[in-house]
N, C-alpha and C. Protein backbone atom coordinates (compact mmCIF):
# COMPACT_ATOMS: atom_id res chain seq x y z
N MET A 1 34.50 -40.85 -33.02
CA MET A 1 35.86 -40.37 -33.24
C MET A 1 35.91 -38.88 -32.94
N ASN A 2 36.88 -38.46 -32.15
CA ASN A 2 37.03 -37.05 -31.81
C ASN A 2 37.68 -36.28 -32.95
N SER A 3 37.27 -35.03 -33.12
CA SER A 3 37.89 -34.17 -34.12
C SER A 3 39.21 -33.65 -33.58
N GLN A 4 40.13 -33.40 -34.48
CA GLN A 4 41.40 -32.77 -34.14
C GLN A 4 41.33 -31.34 -34.64
N TYR A 5 41.68 -30.38 -33.80
CA TYR A 5 41.63 -28.98 -34.18
C TYR A 5 43.02 -28.36 -34.13
N ASP A 6 43.26 -27.43 -35.03
CA ASP A 6 44.54 -26.74 -35.10
C ASP A 6 44.30 -25.26 -35.35
N MET A 7 45.33 -24.46 -35.11
CA MET A 7 45.33 -23.04 -35.43
C MET A 7 46.40 -22.86 -36.51
N VAL A 8 46.03 -22.22 -37.61
CA VAL A 8 46.93 -22.13 -38.76
C VAL A 8 47.18 -20.66 -39.12
N PHE A 9 48.45 -20.30 -39.25
CA PHE A 9 48.85 -18.95 -39.65
C PHE A 9 49.26 -18.97 -41.12
N TYR A 10 48.91 -17.90 -41.83
CA TYR A 10 49.27 -17.81 -43.24
C TYR A 10 49.45 -16.35 -43.64
N PRO A 11 50.39 -16.07 -44.58
CA PRO A 11 50.59 -14.70 -45.05
C PRO A 11 49.46 -14.28 -45.98
N GLN A 12 49.17 -12.99 -46.00
CA GLN A 12 48.11 -12.46 -46.84
C GLN A 12 48.49 -12.43 -48.32
N ASP A 13 49.73 -12.64 -48.64
CA ASP A 13 50.19 -12.73 -50.03
C ASP A 13 50.09 -14.20 -50.44
N LEU A 14 49.22 -14.50 -51.40
CA LEU A 14 48.98 -15.88 -51.81
C LEU A 14 50.24 -16.61 -52.25
N GLU A 15 51.18 -15.89 -52.83
CA GLU A 15 52.36 -16.53 -53.39
C GLU A 15 53.59 -16.45 -52.50
N TYR A 16 53.40 -15.97 -51.27
CA TYR A 16 54.56 -15.87 -50.38
C TYR A 16 55.07 -17.25 -49.96
N ALA A 17 56.36 -17.42 -50.10
CA ALA A 17 57.09 -18.55 -49.52
C ALA A 17 58.43 -17.97 -49.09
N PRO A 18 58.91 -18.30 -47.92
CA PRO A 18 60.16 -17.68 -47.46
C PRO A 18 61.32 -18.04 -48.38
N GLY A 19 62.14 -17.02 -48.70
CA GLY A 19 63.32 -17.26 -49.50
C GLY A 19 64.31 -18.15 -48.77
N ASP A 20 64.37 -18.00 -47.46
CA ASP A 20 65.26 -18.80 -46.63
C ASP A 20 64.46 -19.29 -45.42
N LEU A 21 63.95 -20.51 -45.53
CA LEU A 21 63.13 -21.09 -44.46
C LEU A 21 63.91 -21.17 -43.15
N ASN A 22 65.20 -21.49 -43.23
CA ASN A 22 66.01 -21.60 -42.01
C ASN A 22 66.09 -20.27 -41.26
N GLU A 23 66.13 -19.17 -42.00
CA GLU A 23 66.16 -17.85 -41.37
C GLU A 23 64.83 -17.58 -40.64
N LEU A 24 63.73 -17.91 -41.30
CA LEU A 24 62.41 -17.73 -40.68
C LEU A 24 62.32 -18.58 -39.41
N LEU A 25 62.72 -19.85 -39.49
CA LEU A 25 62.67 -20.73 -38.32
C LEU A 25 63.58 -20.23 -37.21
N SER A 26 64.74 -19.72 -37.57
CA SER A 26 65.66 -19.18 -36.58
C SER A 26 65.05 -18.00 -35.84
N ASN A 27 64.37 -17.12 -36.58
CA ASN A 27 63.70 -15.97 -35.95
C ASN A 27 62.57 -16.42 -35.02
N LEU A 28 61.80 -17.42 -35.45
CA LEU A 28 60.71 -17.93 -34.61
C LEU A 28 61.26 -18.62 -33.36
N LYS A 29 62.41 -19.26 -33.50
CA LYS A 29 63.03 -19.93 -32.35
C LYS A 29 63.61 -18.90 -31.39
N THR A 30 64.28 -17.89 -31.92
CA THR A 30 64.84 -16.82 -31.08
C THR A 30 63.76 -16.10 -30.30
N ALA A 31 62.59 -15.92 -30.93
CA ALA A 31 61.47 -15.24 -30.26
C ALA A 31 60.76 -16.15 -29.26
N GLY A 32 61.12 -17.44 -29.23
CA GLY A 32 60.52 -18.37 -28.28
C GLY A 32 59.20 -18.95 -28.74
N PHE A 33 58.87 -18.80 -30.03
CA PHE A 33 57.62 -19.37 -30.54
C PHE A 33 57.76 -20.87 -30.79
N ILE A 34 58.87 -21.27 -31.41
CA ILE A 34 59.12 -22.70 -31.63
C ILE A 34 60.32 -23.14 -30.80
N GLY A 35 60.34 -24.43 -30.52
CA GLY A 35 61.44 -25.02 -29.79
C GLY A 35 62.18 -26.01 -30.68
N ASP A 36 62.67 -27.07 -30.07
CA ASP A 36 63.44 -28.08 -30.79
C ASP A 36 62.57 -28.83 -31.80
N SER A 37 63.22 -29.33 -32.85
CA SER A 37 62.51 -30.10 -33.86
C SER A 37 62.46 -31.57 -33.46
N PHE A 38 61.49 -32.27 -34.03
CA PHE A 38 61.38 -33.72 -33.85
C PHE A 38 60.65 -34.28 -35.06
N ALA A 39 60.77 -35.56 -35.31
CA ALA A 39 60.16 -36.18 -36.49
C ALA A 39 58.73 -36.60 -36.17
N VAL A 40 57.79 -36.18 -37.02
CA VAL A 40 56.39 -36.58 -36.87
C VAL A 40 55.84 -36.96 -38.24
N PRO A 41 54.85 -37.86 -38.27
CA PRO A 41 54.18 -38.10 -39.54
C PRO A 41 53.37 -36.85 -39.88
N SER A 42 53.54 -36.31 -41.07
CA SER A 42 52.82 -35.11 -41.45
C SER A 42 51.33 -35.37 -41.53
N SER A 43 50.54 -34.40 -41.12
CA SER A 43 49.09 -34.54 -41.20
C SER A 43 48.59 -34.35 -42.62
N HIS A 44 49.43 -33.88 -43.53
CA HIS A 44 48.98 -33.59 -44.88
C HIS A 44 49.75 -34.36 -45.95
N LYS A 45 50.70 -35.18 -45.54
CA LYS A 45 51.48 -35.98 -46.47
C LYS A 45 51.64 -37.36 -45.87
N LYS A 46 52.04 -38.30 -46.69
CA LYS A 46 52.23 -39.66 -46.19
C LYS A 46 53.63 -39.87 -45.64
N THR A 47 54.49 -38.88 -45.73
CA THR A 47 55.87 -39.04 -45.28
C THR A 47 56.07 -38.39 -43.92
N GLU A 48 57.16 -38.76 -43.30
CA GLU A 48 57.52 -38.17 -42.01
C GLU A 48 58.24 -36.86 -42.27
N GLN A 49 58.00 -35.86 -41.43
CA GLN A 49 58.72 -34.61 -41.57
C GLN A 49 58.93 -34.00 -40.20
N GLN A 50 59.59 -32.85 -40.18
CA GLN A 50 59.91 -32.20 -38.91
C GLN A 50 58.72 -31.47 -38.32
N GLY A 51 58.54 -31.65 -37.04
CA GLY A 51 57.64 -30.83 -36.27
C GLY A 51 58.50 -30.06 -35.28
N TYR A 52 57.91 -29.12 -34.59
CA TYR A 52 58.65 -28.31 -33.62
C TYR A 52 57.87 -28.26 -32.32
N LEU A 53 58.55 -28.54 -31.24
CA LEU A 53 57.94 -28.36 -29.93
C LEU A 53 57.67 -26.87 -29.75
N ILE A 54 56.75 -26.54 -28.89
CA ILE A 54 56.51 -25.11 -28.65
C ILE A 54 57.72 -24.51 -27.94
N GLY A 55 57.97 -23.24 -28.20
CA GLY A 55 59.10 -22.55 -27.61
C GLY A 55 58.81 -22.06 -26.20
N GLU A 56 59.84 -21.58 -25.54
CA GLU A 56 59.72 -21.15 -24.14
C GLU A 56 58.81 -19.95 -23.95
N ASP A 57 58.61 -19.13 -24.99
CA ASP A 57 57.71 -17.97 -24.88
C ASP A 57 56.41 -18.15 -25.63
N PHE A 58 56.11 -19.38 -26.04
CA PHE A 58 54.89 -19.66 -26.80
C PHE A 58 53.65 -19.12 -26.08
N LEU A 59 53.57 -19.35 -24.78
CA LEU A 59 52.38 -18.93 -24.02
C LEU A 59 52.33 -17.42 -23.81
N LYS A 60 53.39 -16.70 -24.19
CA LYS A 60 53.35 -15.24 -24.18
C LYS A 60 52.96 -14.70 -25.55
N LEU A 61 53.02 -15.55 -26.57
CA LEU A 61 52.72 -15.14 -27.94
C LEU A 61 51.33 -15.57 -28.40
N ILE A 62 50.75 -16.53 -27.69
CA ILE A 62 49.39 -16.99 -27.94
C ILE A 62 48.61 -16.78 -26.65
N THR A 63 47.48 -16.11 -26.73
CA THR A 63 46.65 -15.88 -25.55
C THR A 63 45.54 -16.91 -25.53
N PHE A 64 45.47 -17.66 -24.43
CA PHE A 64 44.40 -18.64 -24.27
C PHE A 64 43.24 -18.00 -23.53
N LEU A 65 42.04 -18.23 -24.02
CA LEU A 65 40.84 -17.61 -23.48
C LEU A 65 40.12 -18.58 -22.55
N GLY A 66 39.29 -18.04 -21.70
CA GLY A 66 38.52 -18.90 -20.80
C GLY A 66 39.26 -19.16 -19.50
N CYS A 67 38.59 -19.87 -18.63
CA CYS A 67 39.12 -20.11 -17.28
C CYS A 67 40.27 -21.09 -17.25
N SER A 68 40.10 -22.22 -17.90
CA SER A 68 41.15 -23.24 -17.82
C SER A 68 41.23 -24.05 -19.11
N PRO A 69 41.83 -23.47 -20.15
CA PRO A 69 41.96 -24.23 -21.40
C PRO A 69 42.86 -25.44 -21.16
N HIS A 70 42.57 -26.53 -21.86
CA HIS A 70 43.36 -27.74 -21.69
C HIS A 70 44.14 -28.02 -22.96
N ILE A 71 45.46 -27.92 -22.86
CA ILE A 71 46.31 -28.33 -23.96
C ILE A 71 47.48 -29.12 -23.38
N GLU A 72 47.89 -30.13 -24.11
CA GLU A 72 49.07 -30.90 -23.72
C GLU A 72 50.27 -30.25 -24.36
N LEU A 73 51.24 -29.87 -23.57
CA LEU A 73 52.41 -29.16 -24.08
C LEU A 73 53.58 -30.07 -24.41
N THR A 74 53.52 -31.33 -23.98
CA THR A 74 54.59 -32.28 -24.27
C THR A 74 53.98 -33.57 -24.77
N PRO A 75 54.71 -34.28 -25.64
CA PRO A 75 54.16 -35.53 -26.17
C PRO A 75 54.12 -36.62 -25.10
N SER A 76 53.13 -37.46 -25.21
CA SER A 76 53.05 -38.62 -24.34
C SER A 76 53.98 -39.69 -24.89
N GLU A 77 54.66 -40.38 -24.02
CA GLU A 77 55.58 -41.43 -24.49
C GLU A 77 54.84 -42.58 -25.15
N GLN A 78 53.55 -42.72 -24.86
CA GLN A 78 52.77 -43.81 -25.45
C GLN A 78 52.34 -43.50 -26.89
N LYS A 79 52.41 -42.24 -27.30
CA LYS A 79 51.93 -41.86 -28.63
C LYS A 79 53.11 -41.79 -29.59
N THR A 80 52.99 -42.47 -30.71
CA THR A 80 54.06 -42.46 -31.71
C THR A 80 53.66 -41.71 -32.97
N ASP A 81 52.44 -41.18 -33.03
CA ASP A 81 51.95 -40.54 -34.25
C ASP A 81 51.86 -39.02 -34.13
N GLY A 82 52.54 -38.44 -33.16
CA GLY A 82 52.42 -37.01 -32.94
C GLY A 82 51.37 -36.75 -31.88
N GLY A 83 50.30 -37.52 -31.89
CA GLY A 83 49.28 -37.43 -30.85
C GLY A 83 48.56 -36.11 -30.82
N ASN A 84 47.83 -35.87 -29.75
CA ASN A 84 47.06 -34.64 -29.59
C ASN A 84 47.75 -33.68 -28.65
N PHE A 85 49.02 -33.48 -28.81
CA PHE A 85 49.69 -32.47 -28.01
C PHE A 85 50.01 -31.28 -28.90
N CYS A 86 50.29 -30.17 -28.28
CA CYS A 86 50.50 -28.91 -29.00
C CYS A 86 51.91 -28.85 -29.56
N TYR A 87 52.03 -28.86 -30.87
CA TYR A 87 53.32 -28.70 -31.53
C TYR A 87 53.10 -27.94 -32.83
N ILE A 88 54.19 -27.58 -33.48
CA ILE A 88 54.12 -26.71 -34.67
C ILE A 88 54.67 -27.44 -35.88
N GLU A 89 54.00 -27.28 -36.99
CA GLU A 89 54.40 -27.90 -38.25
C GLU A 89 54.39 -26.83 -39.34
N ILE A 90 55.37 -26.87 -40.21
CA ILE A 90 55.46 -25.93 -41.34
C ILE A 90 54.99 -26.67 -42.59
N LEU A 91 54.04 -26.08 -43.32
CA LEU A 91 53.57 -26.66 -44.58
C LEU A 91 53.84 -25.66 -45.70
N GLN A 92 54.48 -26.15 -46.76
CA GLN A 92 54.75 -25.30 -47.91
C GLN A 92 54.38 -26.07 -49.17
N PHE A 93 53.64 -25.41 -50.05
CA PHE A 93 53.18 -26.04 -51.29
C PHE A 93 53.77 -25.31 -52.49
N GLN A 94 53.75 -25.97 -53.65
CA GLN A 94 54.35 -25.42 -54.86
C GLN A 94 53.56 -24.25 -55.43
N LYS A 95 52.25 -24.23 -55.15
CA LYS A 95 51.41 -23.15 -55.67
C LYS A 95 50.32 -22.86 -54.64
N PRO A 96 49.68 -21.70 -54.71
CA PRO A 96 48.63 -21.36 -53.75
C PRO A 96 47.49 -22.38 -53.78
N LYS A 97 46.95 -22.65 -52.60
CA LYS A 97 45.84 -23.60 -52.50
C LYS A 97 44.83 -23.11 -51.49
N TYR A 98 43.64 -23.64 -51.60
CA TYR A 98 42.59 -23.45 -50.61
C TYR A 98 42.88 -24.43 -49.49
N PHE A 99 43.03 -23.94 -48.28
CA PHE A 99 43.29 -24.77 -47.11
C PHE A 99 42.00 -24.79 -46.30
N LYS A 100 41.25 -25.86 -46.44
CA LYS A 100 39.97 -25.97 -45.75
C LYS A 100 40.19 -25.88 -44.25
N GLY A 101 39.46 -24.97 -43.61
CA GLY A 101 39.59 -24.79 -42.18
C GLY A 101 38.53 -25.57 -41.43
N LEU A 102 37.50 -24.89 -41.00
CA LEU A 102 36.42 -25.54 -40.27
C LEU A 102 35.46 -26.22 -41.24
N ASN A 103 34.77 -27.23 -40.77
CA ASN A 103 33.85 -27.97 -41.64
C ASN A 103 32.71 -27.10 -42.16
N HIS A 104 32.35 -26.07 -41.43
CA HIS A 104 31.29 -25.16 -41.87
C HIS A 104 31.83 -23.73 -41.84
N PRO A 105 32.69 -23.37 -42.83
CA PRO A 105 33.28 -22.03 -42.81
C PRO A 105 32.23 -20.95 -43.01
N LYS A 106 32.48 -19.81 -42.38
CA LYS A 106 31.58 -18.67 -42.51
C LYS A 106 32.37 -17.52 -43.10
N CYS A 107 31.74 -16.78 -43.98
CA CYS A 107 32.41 -15.63 -44.56
C CYS A 107 31.40 -14.52 -44.83
N SER A 108 31.94 -13.32 -45.00
CA SER A 108 31.08 -12.17 -45.25
C SER A 108 31.71 -11.25 -46.29
N CYS A 109 30.89 -10.41 -46.83
CA CYS A 109 31.31 -9.42 -47.83
C CYS A 109 32.23 -8.40 -47.15
N PRO A 110 33.38 -8.09 -47.74
CA PRO A 110 34.26 -7.10 -47.14
C PRO A 110 33.72 -5.67 -47.21
N GLN A 111 32.71 -5.44 -48.06
CA GLN A 111 32.14 -4.10 -48.21
C GLN A 111 31.03 -3.84 -47.20
N CYS A 112 29.98 -4.68 -47.24
CA CYS A 112 28.80 -4.40 -46.41
C CYS A 112 28.70 -5.33 -45.19
N LYS A 113 29.60 -6.31 -45.09
CA LYS A 113 29.66 -7.24 -43.94
C LYS A 113 28.54 -8.27 -43.92
N SER A 114 27.74 -8.37 -44.97
CA SER A 114 26.67 -9.36 -45.02
C SER A 114 27.25 -10.76 -45.25
N ARG A 115 26.58 -11.77 -44.72
CA ARG A 115 27.00 -13.16 -44.92
C ARG A 115 26.85 -13.52 -46.39
N VAL A 116 27.84 -14.20 -46.95
CA VAL A 116 27.77 -14.64 -48.35
C VAL A 116 28.03 -16.13 -48.48
N THR A 117 27.99 -16.86 -47.40
CA THR A 117 28.32 -18.28 -47.40
C THR A 117 27.53 -19.06 -48.44
N LYS A 118 26.26 -18.77 -48.60
CA LYS A 118 25.42 -19.52 -49.55
C LYS A 118 25.75 -19.21 -51.00
N ALA A 119 26.47 -18.13 -51.27
CA ALA A 119 26.80 -17.74 -52.64
C ALA A 119 28.16 -18.26 -53.10
N LEU A 120 28.83 -19.08 -52.27
CA LEU A 120 30.18 -19.52 -52.58
C LEU A 120 30.24 -20.52 -53.73
N PRO A 121 31.30 -20.44 -54.56
CA PRO A 121 31.52 -21.47 -55.57
C PRO A 121 32.09 -22.73 -54.89
N GLU A 122 32.32 -23.77 -55.64
CA GLU A 122 32.92 -25.00 -55.11
C GLU A 122 34.39 -24.71 -54.75
N LEU A 123 34.69 -24.68 -53.47
CA LEU A 123 36.01 -24.27 -53.01
C LEU A 123 37.09 -25.30 -53.30
N GLU A 124 36.73 -26.56 -53.40
CA GLU A 124 37.73 -27.59 -53.68
C GLU A 124 38.36 -27.38 -55.06
N GLN A 125 37.68 -26.63 -55.93
CA GLN A 125 38.19 -26.36 -57.27
C GLN A 125 38.79 -24.95 -57.39
N TRP A 126 39.10 -24.32 -56.26
CA TRP A 126 39.56 -22.94 -56.24
C TRP A 126 40.83 -22.74 -57.04
N ILE A 127 40.85 -21.66 -57.82
CA ILE A 127 42.02 -21.22 -58.57
C ILE A 127 42.23 -19.74 -58.23
N PRO A 128 43.46 -19.34 -57.87
CA PRO A 128 43.69 -17.94 -57.47
C PRO A 128 43.23 -16.94 -58.53
N ASP A 129 42.70 -15.83 -58.05
CA ASP A 129 42.32 -14.70 -58.91
C ASP A 129 41.32 -15.07 -60.00
N SER A 130 40.45 -16.05 -59.75
CA SER A 130 39.54 -16.46 -60.82
C SER A 130 38.10 -16.65 -60.38
N GLN A 131 37.86 -16.88 -59.10
CA GLN A 131 36.50 -17.16 -58.65
C GLN A 131 35.94 -15.96 -57.90
N TRP A 132 34.87 -15.40 -58.45
CA TRP A 132 34.24 -14.22 -57.88
C TRP A 132 32.95 -14.59 -57.17
N VAL A 133 32.64 -13.86 -56.12
CA VAL A 133 31.40 -14.06 -55.38
C VAL A 133 30.65 -12.73 -55.39
N SER A 134 29.37 -12.80 -55.72
CA SER A 134 28.54 -11.60 -55.71
C SER A 134 27.76 -11.57 -54.40
N CYS A 135 27.90 -10.48 -53.66
CA CYS A 135 27.20 -10.33 -52.39
C CYS A 135 25.70 -10.26 -52.65
N PRO A 136 24.91 -11.09 -51.96
CA PRO A 136 23.46 -11.04 -52.18
C PRO A 136 22.81 -9.74 -51.72
N LYS A 137 23.49 -8.98 -50.87
CA LYS A 137 22.90 -7.73 -50.37
C LYS A 137 23.34 -6.51 -51.19
N CYS A 138 24.66 -6.26 -51.26
CA CYS A 138 25.13 -5.04 -51.93
C CYS A 138 25.54 -5.27 -53.39
N ARG A 139 25.57 -6.53 -53.82
CA ARG A 139 25.92 -6.91 -55.20
C ARG A 139 27.37 -6.65 -55.56
N GLN A 140 28.20 -6.36 -54.58
CA GLN A 140 29.63 -6.16 -54.82
C GLN A 140 30.27 -7.50 -55.18
N ASN A 141 31.07 -7.53 -56.24
CA ASN A 141 31.80 -8.74 -56.62
C ASN A 141 33.16 -8.75 -55.93
N THR A 142 33.51 -9.89 -55.32
CA THR A 142 34.76 -10.02 -54.58
C THR A 142 35.39 -11.37 -54.91
N LEU A 143 36.71 -11.39 -55.08
CA LEU A 143 37.39 -12.66 -55.25
C LEU A 143 37.17 -13.51 -54.00
N THR A 144 36.99 -14.79 -54.18
CA THR A 144 36.72 -15.70 -53.07
C THR A 144 37.76 -15.55 -51.96
N GLU A 145 39.03 -15.47 -52.31
CA GLU A 145 40.09 -15.39 -51.31
C GLU A 145 40.11 -14.05 -50.57
N ASN A 146 39.39 -13.04 -51.08
CA ASN A 146 39.37 -11.72 -50.43
C ASN A 146 38.15 -11.50 -49.55
N LEU A 147 37.29 -12.51 -49.42
CA LEU A 147 36.16 -12.40 -48.50
C LEU A 147 36.68 -12.38 -47.06
N ASN A 148 35.85 -11.92 -46.15
CA ASN A 148 36.20 -11.98 -44.73
C ASN A 148 35.82 -13.38 -44.24
N TRP A 149 36.81 -14.24 -44.05
CA TRP A 149 36.56 -15.64 -43.72
C TRP A 149 36.41 -15.88 -42.22
N ARG A 150 36.51 -14.86 -41.41
CA ARG A 150 36.25 -14.97 -39.97
C ARG A 150 37.03 -16.11 -39.31
N HIS A 151 38.27 -16.25 -39.72
CA HIS A 151 39.18 -17.25 -39.14
C HIS A 151 38.68 -18.68 -39.32
N SER A 152 37.98 -18.94 -40.44
CA SER A 152 37.46 -20.29 -40.64
C SER A 152 38.07 -21.02 -41.83
N THR A 153 38.94 -20.38 -42.61
CA THR A 153 39.64 -21.03 -43.71
C THR A 153 40.74 -20.09 -44.21
N GLY A 154 41.62 -20.60 -45.06
CA GLY A 154 42.72 -19.76 -45.56
C GLY A 154 43.15 -20.15 -46.96
N PHE A 155 43.93 -19.27 -47.58
CA PHE A 155 44.40 -19.47 -48.94
C PHE A 155 45.88 -19.08 -48.98
N GLY A 156 46.70 -19.84 -49.68
CA GLY A 156 48.11 -19.51 -49.83
C GLY A 156 48.93 -20.74 -50.13
N GLN A 157 50.25 -20.59 -50.01
CA GLN A 157 51.12 -21.74 -50.24
C GLN A 157 52.09 -21.96 -49.09
N PHE A 158 52.01 -21.14 -48.04
CA PHE A 158 52.87 -21.32 -46.88
C PHE A 158 52.03 -21.19 -45.61
N PHE A 159 52.10 -22.19 -44.74
CA PHE A 159 51.27 -22.22 -43.55
C PHE A 159 52.09 -22.67 -42.34
N ILE A 160 51.82 -22.08 -41.19
CA ILE A 160 52.40 -22.51 -39.93
C ILE A 160 51.24 -23.07 -39.10
N VAL A 161 51.28 -24.38 -38.85
CA VAL A 161 50.19 -25.07 -38.17
C VAL A 161 50.56 -25.30 -36.70
N VAL A 162 49.72 -24.81 -35.81
CA VAL A 162 49.88 -25.08 -34.37
C VAL A 162 48.82 -26.13 -34.03
N HIS A 163 49.28 -27.35 -33.80
CA HIS A 163 48.38 -28.47 -33.58
C HIS A 163 47.74 -28.43 -32.19
N SER A 164 46.52 -28.97 -32.14
CA SER A 164 45.76 -29.18 -30.91
C SER A 164 45.35 -27.88 -30.21
N ILE A 165 44.86 -26.94 -31.01
CA ILE A 165 44.28 -25.70 -30.48
C ILE A 165 42.82 -25.68 -30.91
N TYR A 166 41.92 -25.70 -29.96
CA TYR A 166 40.50 -25.72 -30.25
C TYR A 166 40.05 -24.36 -30.80
N PRO A 167 39.12 -24.31 -31.78
CA PRO A 167 38.68 -23.03 -32.33
C PRO A 167 38.23 -22.04 -31.26
N ASN A 168 38.73 -20.84 -31.39
CA ASN A 168 38.41 -19.71 -30.51
C ASN A 168 38.87 -19.91 -29.07
N GLU A 169 39.66 -20.95 -28.82
CA GLU A 169 40.23 -21.16 -27.48
C GLU A 169 41.46 -20.28 -27.29
N ALA A 170 42.09 -19.90 -28.40
CA ALA A 170 43.31 -19.11 -28.33
C ALA A 170 43.34 -18.12 -29.48
N VAL A 171 44.02 -17.00 -29.27
CA VAL A 171 44.23 -16.00 -30.31
C VAL A 171 45.69 -15.55 -30.25
N PRO A 172 46.25 -15.15 -31.37
CA PRO A 172 47.63 -14.67 -31.35
C PRO A 172 47.72 -13.28 -30.74
N THR A 173 48.82 -12.99 -30.11
CA THR A 173 49.05 -11.64 -29.59
C THR A 173 49.53 -10.75 -30.74
N ASP A 174 49.45 -9.45 -30.52
CA ASP A 174 49.99 -8.50 -31.51
C ASP A 174 51.49 -8.73 -31.68
N LYS A 175 52.16 -9.11 -30.61
CA LYS A 175 53.60 -9.37 -30.67
C LYS A 175 53.91 -10.48 -31.66
N LEU A 176 53.12 -11.56 -31.65
CA LEU A 176 53.34 -12.66 -32.59
C LEU A 176 53.05 -12.21 -34.02
N MET A 177 51.95 -11.51 -34.24
CA MET A 177 51.62 -11.08 -35.59
C MET A 177 52.66 -10.09 -36.12
N ASN A 178 53.18 -9.23 -35.25
CA ASN A 178 54.25 -8.30 -35.65
C ASN A 178 55.53 -9.05 -35.96
N LEU A 179 55.81 -10.12 -35.21
CA LEU A 179 56.99 -10.94 -35.47
C LEU A 179 56.89 -11.58 -36.85
N LEU A 180 55.75 -12.18 -37.16
CA LEU A 180 55.57 -12.80 -38.48
C LEU A 180 55.70 -11.77 -39.60
N ARG A 181 55.14 -10.57 -39.38
CA ARG A 181 55.25 -9.51 -40.38
C ARG A 181 56.70 -9.08 -40.55
N SER A 182 57.43 -8.96 -39.45
CA SER A 182 58.82 -8.47 -39.55
C SER A 182 59.75 -9.48 -40.23
N VAL A 183 59.49 -10.78 -40.07
CA VAL A 183 60.39 -11.76 -40.70
C VAL A 183 60.01 -12.05 -42.15
N SER A 184 58.79 -11.68 -42.56
CA SER A 184 58.35 -11.98 -43.93
C SER A 184 58.09 -10.74 -44.77
N HIS A 185 57.92 -9.60 -44.10
CA HIS A 185 57.53 -8.34 -44.76
C HIS A 185 56.16 -8.47 -45.42
N LYS A 186 55.31 -9.32 -44.82
CA LYS A 186 53.94 -9.52 -45.28
C LYS A 186 53.01 -9.50 -44.08
N ASP A 187 51.75 -9.08 -44.30
CA ASP A 187 50.73 -9.20 -43.25
C ASP A 187 50.28 -10.65 -43.17
N TRP A 188 49.91 -11.08 -41.97
CA TRP A 188 49.48 -12.46 -41.74
C TRP A 188 48.08 -12.49 -41.14
N ASP A 189 47.44 -13.63 -41.27
CA ASP A 189 46.16 -13.89 -40.63
C ASP A 189 46.22 -15.32 -40.11
N TYR A 190 45.13 -15.78 -39.53
CA TYR A 190 45.08 -17.14 -39.00
C TYR A 190 43.67 -17.67 -39.13
N PHE A 191 43.56 -18.98 -39.05
CA PHE A 191 42.25 -19.63 -39.05
C PHE A 191 42.36 -20.91 -38.24
N TYR A 192 41.22 -21.47 -37.94
CA TYR A 192 41.16 -22.72 -37.20
C TYR A 192 40.85 -23.84 -38.18
N TYR A 193 41.45 -25.00 -37.94
CA TYR A 193 41.34 -26.15 -38.84
C TYR A 193 40.72 -27.32 -38.08
N GLU A 194 39.82 -28.02 -38.74
CA GLU A 194 39.16 -29.18 -38.14
C GLU A 194 39.37 -30.41 -39.02
N GLN A 195 39.95 -31.46 -38.43
CA GLN A 195 40.16 -32.71 -39.17
C GLN A 195 38.99 -33.64 -38.94
């Protein structure tokens, strides 16, 4: 079975959720990041919800690396489950959560940059502002969510998922990150997700 990979954007404020989701979506659509909506089975819920086709300027807001990255930009008529084409999904939760990214996430101490992956607590039981990690090198204590996760996992309650983006195949442009900051008044980051 092939893995499905996604690129996920999230605000650096754990409790951020847009006051007006329609305004945020309108700004993303005006900027050409998202296009028309369509119904897809959610990857994280059992119900059907809205997905968004990529917008007309999507490829100006995401930089694809390498010689010839392969992504499907339109759905195949044979696929009824959303399939492996590139589309956008908005996920919002009632409270901050650990959003598992890659199967083997890597992180480092924000102070000395040493790897701390082996010192991590059980992430499936994560509670905001409560789990500390002690760096094995400098002994600095850091909240789990404040480690440098190297784009391998995220924490929060609001996520923008870009489906079918292979890890490190694409990176956001400064223009996209500035757009997200301007519509939310929060700094954003991203990570890659593996199903």
